[in-house]
Protein backbone atom coordinates (compact mmCIF):
# COMPACT_ATOMS: atom_id res chain seq x y z
CA MET A 1 -17.18 -10.69 -1.16
CA ALA A 2 -13.78 -11.19 0.48
CA PRO A 3 -13.64 -10.75 4.13
CA ASP A 4 -12.53 -7.31 5.50
CA LEU A 5 -8.54 -6.83 5.55
CA GLU A 6 -7.06 -5.97 8.94
CA ILE A 7 -3.31 -4.89 8.73
CA VAL A 8 -1.00 -2.84 11.08
CA ARG A 9 -1.50 0.77 10.85
CA PRO A 10 0.65 1.58 8.01
CA ASP A 11 3.31 4.54 7.57
CA ASP A 12 4.47 6.82 4.92
CA TRP A 13 8.22 6.85 4.34
CA HIS A 14 8.16 9.87 2.01
CA LEU A 15 6.02 12.61 2.31
CA HIS A 16 5.76 16.37 1.42
CA LEU A 17 3.39 18.57 3.77
CA ARG A 18 4.79 22.06 2.85
CA ASP A 19 3.97 24.63 4.99
CA GLY A 20 1.51 27.17 6.24
CA ALA A 21 -2.09 27.06 4.56
CA MET A 22 -0.88 24.07 2.37
CA LEU A 23 0.30 22.16 5.31
CA ARG A 24 -3.36 22.86 7.11
CA ALA A 25 -5.03 21.77 4.01
CA VAL A 26 -3.29 18.47 3.45
CA LEU A 27 -1.96 17.25 6.90
CA ARG A 28 -5.30 15.89 7.93
CA PHE A 29 -5.36 13.27 4.69
CA THR A 30 -2.04 11.49 6.01
CA ALA A 31 -2.75 11.84 9.75
CA GLU A 32 -6.01 10.00 9.61
CA VAL A 33 -4.72 6.88 8.14
CA PHE A 34 -0.81 6.74 8.81
CA GLY A 35 1.07 6.45 12.11
CA ARG A 36 4.08 8.11 11.03
CA ALA A 37 5.57 9.83 7.77
CA ILE A 38 8.93 10.82 6.96
CA VAL A 39 8.59 14.57 6.25
CA MET A 40 10.55 16.18 3.42
CA PRO A 41 12.62 19.22 4.42
CA ASN A 42 12.37 21.16 0.83
CA LEU A 43 10.71 24.20 2.32
CA VAL A 44 11.72 27.67 1.14
CA PRO A 45 14.02 28.18 3.31
CA PRO A 46 15.01 24.56 3.70
CA VAL A 47 15.21 22.58 7.09
CA ARG A 48 18.84 22.34 7.44
CA THR A 49 19.43 22.31 11.58
CA ALA A 50 18.09 20.93 14.46
CA GLY A 51 16.41 24.26 15.44
CA GLU A 52 14.57 24.27 12.02
CA ALA A 53 13.51 20.94 12.42
CA GLU A 54 11.96 21.24 15.76
CA ALA A 55 10.02 24.63 14.59
CA TYR A 56 8.89 22.57 11.65
CA ARG A 57 7.73 19.76 13.45
CA THR A 58 6.04 22.16 15.91
CA ARG A 59 3.97 23.63 13.02
CA ILE A 60 2.92 20.33 12.12
CA LEU A 61 1.79 19.25 15.63
CA ASP A 62 0.03 22.47 15.94
CA CYS A 63 -2.08 21.58 12.93
CA LEU A 64 -3.34 18.50 14.68
CA PRO A 65 -6.20 18.15 17.23
CA GLY A 66 -4.80 17.85 20.84
CA GLY A 67 -3.49 14.53 21.75
CA HIS A 68 -3.80 13.13 18.28
CA PRO A 69 -1.07 10.31 17.86
CA PHE A 70 0.48 11.08 14.44
CA ILE A 71 3.98 11.38 14.35
CA PRO A 72 6.13 13.59 11.96
CA LEU A 73 9.66 12.21 11.39
CA MET A 74 11.91 15.05 10.33
CA THR A 75 14.82 15.13 8.01
CA CYS A 76 17.78 17.32 7.39
CA TYR A 77 18.23 19.01 3.85
CA LEU A 78 21.83 18.56 2.92
CA THR A 79 23.67 21.15 1.23
CA ASP A 80 27.49 21.90 0.22
CA SER A 81 27.89 23.86 3.12
CA GLY A 82 26.14 21.50 5.50
CA ARG A 83 28.20 20.38 8.82
CA PRO A 84 28.80 16.95 10.47
CA GLU A 85 27.67 18.75 13.86
CA ASP A 86 24.35 19.70 12.34
CA ILE A 87 23.42 15.99 11.73
CA ARG A 88 24.95 14.87 15.14
CA GLU A 89 23.05 17.56 17.17
CA GLY A 90 19.90 16.78 15.18
CA HIS A 91 20.21 13.12 15.93
CA ALA A 92 21.25 13.52 19.57
CA ARG A 93 18.09 15.53 19.96
CA GLY A 94 15.73 13.01 18.57
CA LEU A 95 14.92 15.42 15.52
CA PHE A 96 16.59 13.98 12.56
CA THR A 97 15.50 10.58 11.61
CA ALA A 98 17.24 10.76 8.51
CA ALA A 99 18.96 13.34 5.84
CA LYS A 100 17.93 13.93 2.48
CA LEU A 101 20.17 14.40 -0.68
CA TYR A 102 18.68 16.50 -3.28
CA PRO A 103 20.97 16.82 -6.34
CA ALA A 104 20.79 20.90 -6.85
CA GLY A 105 18.13 21.55 -9.16
CA ALA A 106 16.60 17.99 -9.34
CA THR A 107 13.13 18.72 -8.17
CA THR A 108 10.89 21.37 -6.36
CA ASN A 109 12.83 23.57 -4.04
CA SER A 110 16.16 21.62 -4.64
CA ASP A 111 17.98 24.67 -5.68
CA ASN A 112 20.16 24.70 -2.42
CA GLY A 113 20.90 20.81 -2.75
CA VAL A 114 24.22 19.23 -3.26
CA THR A 115 26.13 20.06 -6.41
CA ASP A 116 28.81 17.21 -5.80
CA VAL A 117 28.46 14.41 -3.24
CA THR A 118 32.38 15.09 -2.55
CA ARG A 119 31.64 18.38 -0.98
CA ILE A 120 29.35 16.57 1.64
CA ALA A 121 31.99 13.57 2.57
CA GLY A 122 32.45 14.71 6.04
CA VAL A 123 28.53 14.76 6.63
CA LEU A 124 28.15 11.31 5.00
CA GLU A 125 31.00 10.13 7.63
CA ALA A 126 29.25 11.26 10.36
CA MET A 127 25.83 10.05 9.45
CA GLU A 128 27.67 6.46 8.69
CA GLU A 129 29.13 6.52 12.21
CA ILE A 130 26.07 7.09 13.94
CA GLY A 131 23.65 5.26 11.76
CA VAL A 132 21.67 8.30 10.20
CA PRO A 133 19.87 6.80 7.07
CA LEU A 134 20.77 8.96 3.91
CA LEU A 135 17.44 9.43 1.47
CA VAL A 136 18.36 10.19 -2.06
CA HIS A 137 16.50 11.81 -4.70
CA GLY A 138 17.88 9.40 -7.34
CA GLU A 139 18.30 11.85 -10.45
CA VAL A 140 21.33 13.58 -12.01
CA THR A 141 20.73 16.88 -13.59
CA ASP A 142 22.79 16.91 -16.44
CA PRO A 143 20.82 18.52 -19.13
CA ALA A 144 22.53 15.89 -21.78
CA VAL A 145 20.81 13.05 -20.01
CA ASP A 146 17.61 11.86 -21.31
CA VAL A 147 15.11 12.58 -18.59
CA PHE A 148 13.87 8.81 -18.66
CA ASP A 149 17.53 7.99 -17.98
CA ARG A 150 18.42 10.19 -15.16
CA GLU A 151 17.58 7.71 -12.46
CA ALA A 152 19.96 4.88 -14.18
CA VAL A 153 22.56 7.36 -14.57
CA PHE A 154 22.46 8.50 -11.11
CA ILE A 155 22.59 4.94 -9.96
CA ASP A 156 25.97 4.47 -11.99
CA ARG A 157 27.62 7.79 -11.45
CA VAL A 158 26.66 8.68 -7.84
CA LEU A 159 24.75 6.02 -5.83
CA ASP A 160 27.00 3.36 -6.58
CA PRO A 161 30.33 5.07 -6.12
CA LEU A 162 28.61 6.52 -2.79
CA ARG A 163 27.77 3.19 -1.23
CA ARG A 164 31.14 1.78 -1.96
CA ARG A 165 32.77 4.65 -0.25
CA PHE A 166 30.33 4.41 2.85
CA PRO A 167 29.55 0.87 2.74
CA SER A 168 28.07 0.96 6.19
CA LEU A 169 25.77 3.97 5.63
CA PRO A 170 22.10 2.93 5.37
CA VAL A 171 20.38 4.40 2.12
CA VAL A 172 17.01 4.50 0.72
CA LEU A 173 16.78 5.12 -3.13
CA GLU A 174 13.42 7.29 -2.92
CA HIS A 175 10.66 6.81 -5.06
CA ALA A 176 12.15 4.15 -7.47
CA THR A 177 10.84 4.20 -10.71
CA SER A 178 12.62 1.99 -13.06
CA LYS A 179 13.48 -1.86 -13.56
CA ILE A 180 17.22 -0.78 -13.38
CA ALA A 181 16.43 1.02 -9.82
CA VAL A 182 14.66 -2.39 -8.60
CA ASP A 183 17.62 -4.63 -10.06
CA TYR A 184 20.17 -2.50 -8.32
CA VAL A 185 18.25 -2.83 -4.88
CA LEU A 186 17.99 -6.64 -5.27
CA ALA A 187 21.59 -7.08 -6.05
CA ALA A 188 22.85 -4.95 -3.19
CA GLY A 189 22.20 -7.08 -0.21
CA THR A 190 21.60 -5.29 3.12
CA GLY A 191 21.81 -1.58 3.81
CA LEU A 192 19.95 -0.38 0.37
CA ALA A 193 16.26 -0.11 0.43
CA ALA A 194 13.80 1.75 -1.98
CA THR A 195 10.52 3.40 -1.58
CA ILE A 196 7.82 2.88 -4.21
CA THR A 197 4.79 5.62 -4.80
CA PRO A 198 1.30 4.65 -5.50
CA HIS A 199 1.42 6.54 -8.82
CA HIS A 200 4.53 4.88 -10.27
CA LEU A 201 2.45 1.42 -9.35
CA MET A 202 -0.55 2.56 -11.24
CA ILE A 203 0.74 5.05 -14.28
CA ASN A 204 3.32 5.00 -17.07
CA ARG A 205 4.75 7.56 -18.85
CA ASN A 206 1.75 7.32 -21.28
CA ALA A 207 -0.33 8.90 -18.93
CA LEU A 208 1.23 12.42 -19.34
CA PHE A 209 0.21 12.32 -23.14
CA ALA A 210 -3.40 10.59 -22.85
CA GLY A 211 -5.55 12.74 -25.17
CA GLY A 212 -3.27 15.74 -24.65
CA LEU A 213 -0.59 17.06 -22.19
CA ARG A 214 -1.53 16.04 -18.68
CA PRO A 215 0.08 18.18 -15.99
CA HIS A 216 -1.51 16.20 -12.89
CA ALA A 217 0.26 13.07 -14.00
CA TYR A 218 3.90 14.73 -14.12
CA CYS A 219 6.14 14.11 -11.19
CA LEU A 220 10.09 13.74 -10.83
CA PRO A 221 11.48 11.28 -11.28
CA VAL A 222 8.71 10.99 -14.27
CA ALA A 223 6.89 7.91 -14.60
CA LYS A 224 8.52 5.32 -16.89
CA ARG A 225 7.83 2.77 -19.53
CA GLU A 226 5.43 -0.05 -18.93
CA GLY A 227 7.99 -2.53 -18.27
CA ASP A 228 9.24 -0.46 -15.55
CA ARG A 229 6.04 -0.08 -14.00
CA GLN A 230 5.41 -3.71 -13.86
CA ALA A 231 8.91 -4.36 -12.23
CA LEU A 232 7.86 -2.00 -9.64
CA ARG A 233 4.78 -4.04 -8.99
CA ARG A 234 6.74 -7.19 -8.96
CA ALA A 235 9.04 -5.60 -6.16
CA ALA A 236 6.31 -4.07 -4.14
CA VAL A 237 4.20 -7.42 -3.94
CA SER A 238 7.27 -9.82 -3.60
CA GLY A 239 7.36 -9.45 0.11
CA ASP A 240 11.10 -8.42 0.11
CA ALA A 241 11.63 -6.39 2.97
CA ARG A 242 13.93 -3.75 1.16
CA PHE A 243 10.78 -2.22 -0.58
CA PHE A 244 8.02 -0.37 1.20
CA LEU A 245 5.80 2.54 0.80
CA GLY A 246 6.63 6.08 0.30
CA THR A 247 3.79 8.08 -1.17
CA ASP A 248 5.84 11.00 -2.23
CA SER A 249 2.43 12.81 -2.02
CA ALA A 250 3.49 16.45 -3.24
CA PRO A 251 0.76 19.16 -3.51
CA HIS A 252 0.66 22.12 -5.58
CA PRO A 253 -1.89 24.44 -6.47
CA THR A 254 -3.54 23.70 -9.69
CA ARG A 255 -2.65 27.17 -11.03
CA LEU A 256 1.24 25.98 -10.82
CA LYS A 257 0.25 22.58 -12.17
CA GLU A 258 -1.59 23.73 -15.04
CA ALA A 259 1.31 26.56 -16.16
CA ASP A 260 3.81 27.08 -18.79
CA CYS A 261 6.25 25.61 -16.68
CA GLY A 262 4.29 23.28 -14.54
CA CYS A 263 5.45 22.17 -10.90
CA ALA A 264 6.47 18.31 -10.72
CA GLY A 265 4.74 16.41 -8.05
CA ILE A 266 1.35 14.25 -7.59
CA PHE A 267 -0.91 14.71 -4.57
CA ASN A 268 -2.10 11.11 -3.55
CA ALA A 269 -2.60 11.41 0.25
CA PRO A 270 -6.35 11.36 0.12
CA ALA A 271 -6.70 7.85 -1.35
CA ALA A 272 -3.00 6.63 -1.00
CA LEU A 273 -3.65 3.35 0.90
CA GLU A 274 -6.44 2.73 -0.80
CA SER A 275 -4.75 2.83 -4.17
CA VAL A 276 -2.05 0.60 -3.06
CA THR A 277 -4.24 -1.85 -1.90
CA ARG A 278 -6.28 -1.98 -5.22
CA VAL A 279 -2.72 -2.65 -6.80
CA PHE A 280 -2.10 -5.42 -4.46
CA ASP A 281 -5.49 -6.99 -5.14
CA GLU A 282 -4.76 -6.62 -8.89
CA GLU A 283 -1.69 -8.67 -8.38
CA GLN A 284 -3.54 -11.27 -6.13
CA ALA A 285 -0.93 -10.53 -3.23
CA LEU A 286 -3.13 -8.89 -0.38
CA ASP A 287 -1.32 -11.28 1.86
CA LYS A 288 1.79 -8.92 1.04
CA LEU A 289 0.10 -5.77 1.68
CA GLU A 290 0.86 -5.18 5.23
CA GLY A 291 4.47 -5.88 4.80
CA PHE A 292 4.80 -3.17 2.29
CA VAL A 293 2.96 -0.50 3.89
CA SER A 294 3.39 -1.51 7.64
CA LEU A 295 6.24 -3.58 8.55
CA ASN A 296 9.33 -3.12 6.02
CA GLY A 297 9.74 0.42 6.57
CA PRO A 298 10.09 0.31 10.54
CA ARG A 299 12.29 -2.69 10.20
CA PHE A 300 14.85 -0.67 7.96
CA TYR A 301 14.58 2.37 10.18
CA GLY A 302 15.05 0.27 13.37
CA LEU A 303 11.46 1.35 14.89
CA PRO A 304 8.69 -0.84 16.19
CA PRO A 305 5.47 -1.15 14.01
CA ASN A 306 2.35 0.66 14.88
CA SER A 307 0.50 -0.90 17.77
CA ASP A 308 -2.80 -0.51 16.36
CA LYS A 309 -4.76 -1.76 13.24
CA ILE A 310 -6.66 -0.43 10.24
CA VAL A 311 -9.57 -2.35 8.36
CA LEU A 312 -10.18 -2.03 4.66
CA ARG A 313 -13.01 -3.49 2.83
CA ARG A 314 -13.56 -4.10 -0.90
CA ALA A 315 -16.21 -1.91 -2.04
CA SER A 316 -19.65 -3.35 -3.18
CA GLU A 317 -19.51 -0.43 -5.79
CA PRO A 318 -16.69 1.66 -6.92
CA VAL A 319 -15.66 4.36 -4.67
CA VAL A 320 -15.17 7.61 -6.18
CA ALA A 321 -12.58 9.82 -4.39
CA ASP A 322 -12.62 13.54 -3.93
CA SER A 323 -11.21 14.98 -7.29
CA ALA A 324 -9.69 18.46 -5.71
CA ILE A 325 -9.53 19.98 -2.15
CA ALA A 326 -9.54 23.68 -1.17
CA VAL A 327 -6.74 25.61 0.21
CA ASP A 328 -7.25 28.73 2.33
CA GLY A 329 -6.74 31.75 0.02
CA GLY A 330 -8.60 30.23 -2.86
CA ASP A 331 -6.22 27.51 -4.15
CA VAL A 332 -7.16 23.94 -4.94
CA VAL A 333 -4.91 20.94 -5.40
CA GLN A 334 -6.17 18.17 -7.43
CA VAL A 335 -6.12 14.55 -5.87
CA PHE A 336 -4.52 11.50 -7.91
CA THR A 337 -6.50 8.46 -8.50
CA ALA A 338 -5.06 7.26 -11.64
CA GLY A 339 -8.14 8.42 -13.36
CA GLY A 340 -10.51 6.04 -11.94
CA ALA A 341 -12.61 4.70 -8.84
CA LEU A 342 -11.13 3.01 -6.26
CA ASN A 343 -12.46 -0.56 -5.21
CA TRP A 344 -11.36 -0.43 -1.55
CA SER A 345 -12.26 1.72 1.39
CA ILE A 346 -11.15 2.33 5.09
CA VAL A 347 -13.99 1.30 6.98
CA ASP A 348 -12.28 1.11 10.71
CA GLY A 349 -9.26 2.83 12.16
CA ARG A 350 -9.50 6.29 10.49
CA ARG A 351 -8.36 8.78 13.15
CA PRO A 352 -9.99 12.03 13.80
CA ALA A 353 -9.04 14.50 11.08
CA ALA A 354 -6.59 17.50 11.43
CA MET A 355 -7.30 20.95 12.13
CA PRO A 356 -8.86 22.84 8.94
């Protein structure tokens, strides 16, 4: 058996924690393992101002045991009516690590998102000036565009013109899903990075239809073709610092996933690090794991890596993760493990659980 694998404690650079009972149910799975996480602002109502970010951060910290070192990094939800002064204030107060661009209607709770990026030019100018990264959900919402092509069209119609207009603005193409996205980042030079999720490394679009309609494999952007999955795996294990982990762990109650119009989102937090380690093991690239999960993200955001370590061990027998977790009020959330057992587990460095 291979020796234990010790790495710098990882971070999650794209995470949905929700609020209320769901926040209390899911937070511990991230806080036990990750040092920091970029927390998405798509609540109802969304997090748009420094005051709203501070209040949300307080609710997150209140769910942690006293003195727990997990750090939530807050983001600003951009809208057509967003103001540059909101970004400046949030950044000056240390509340906004980044700002999130959701095309209106692109995904969960994005109805208040941006309808046309020209309407937020003043906000983007302020972000470029003070160095606040722009995080983009990279899909167009034009119903005439095939759902499997919406990332590629977004890059062509929106992202590339935006980057040409604001060349010094740091940008993260979040949850990249296609070879086109990978190739675009590789050709872009500095200032552009991409997060990659565990599930997009592990499944392709066939998972949506394996023996029937599989709502728990449905996320946005949707998983693409097998060639796209392979391109994402090559990027992740390449050692290129422009690619890093963003789990996009996005919990929804099972009753809302298994519905006539089911919600998009995959909840992978309980086994995110173990799943990614499995991928790197399969690609014979365990020596590149620490860069992808622990070092590349902090480098892009200008932050130091975490100061402590975490240890993983290849299991002598497959580890079966919990299939679901309970939420106060009777809801349950299904856990993503790509339909199989895990062959890695965390044996040292897991922190005390957050409050139930």
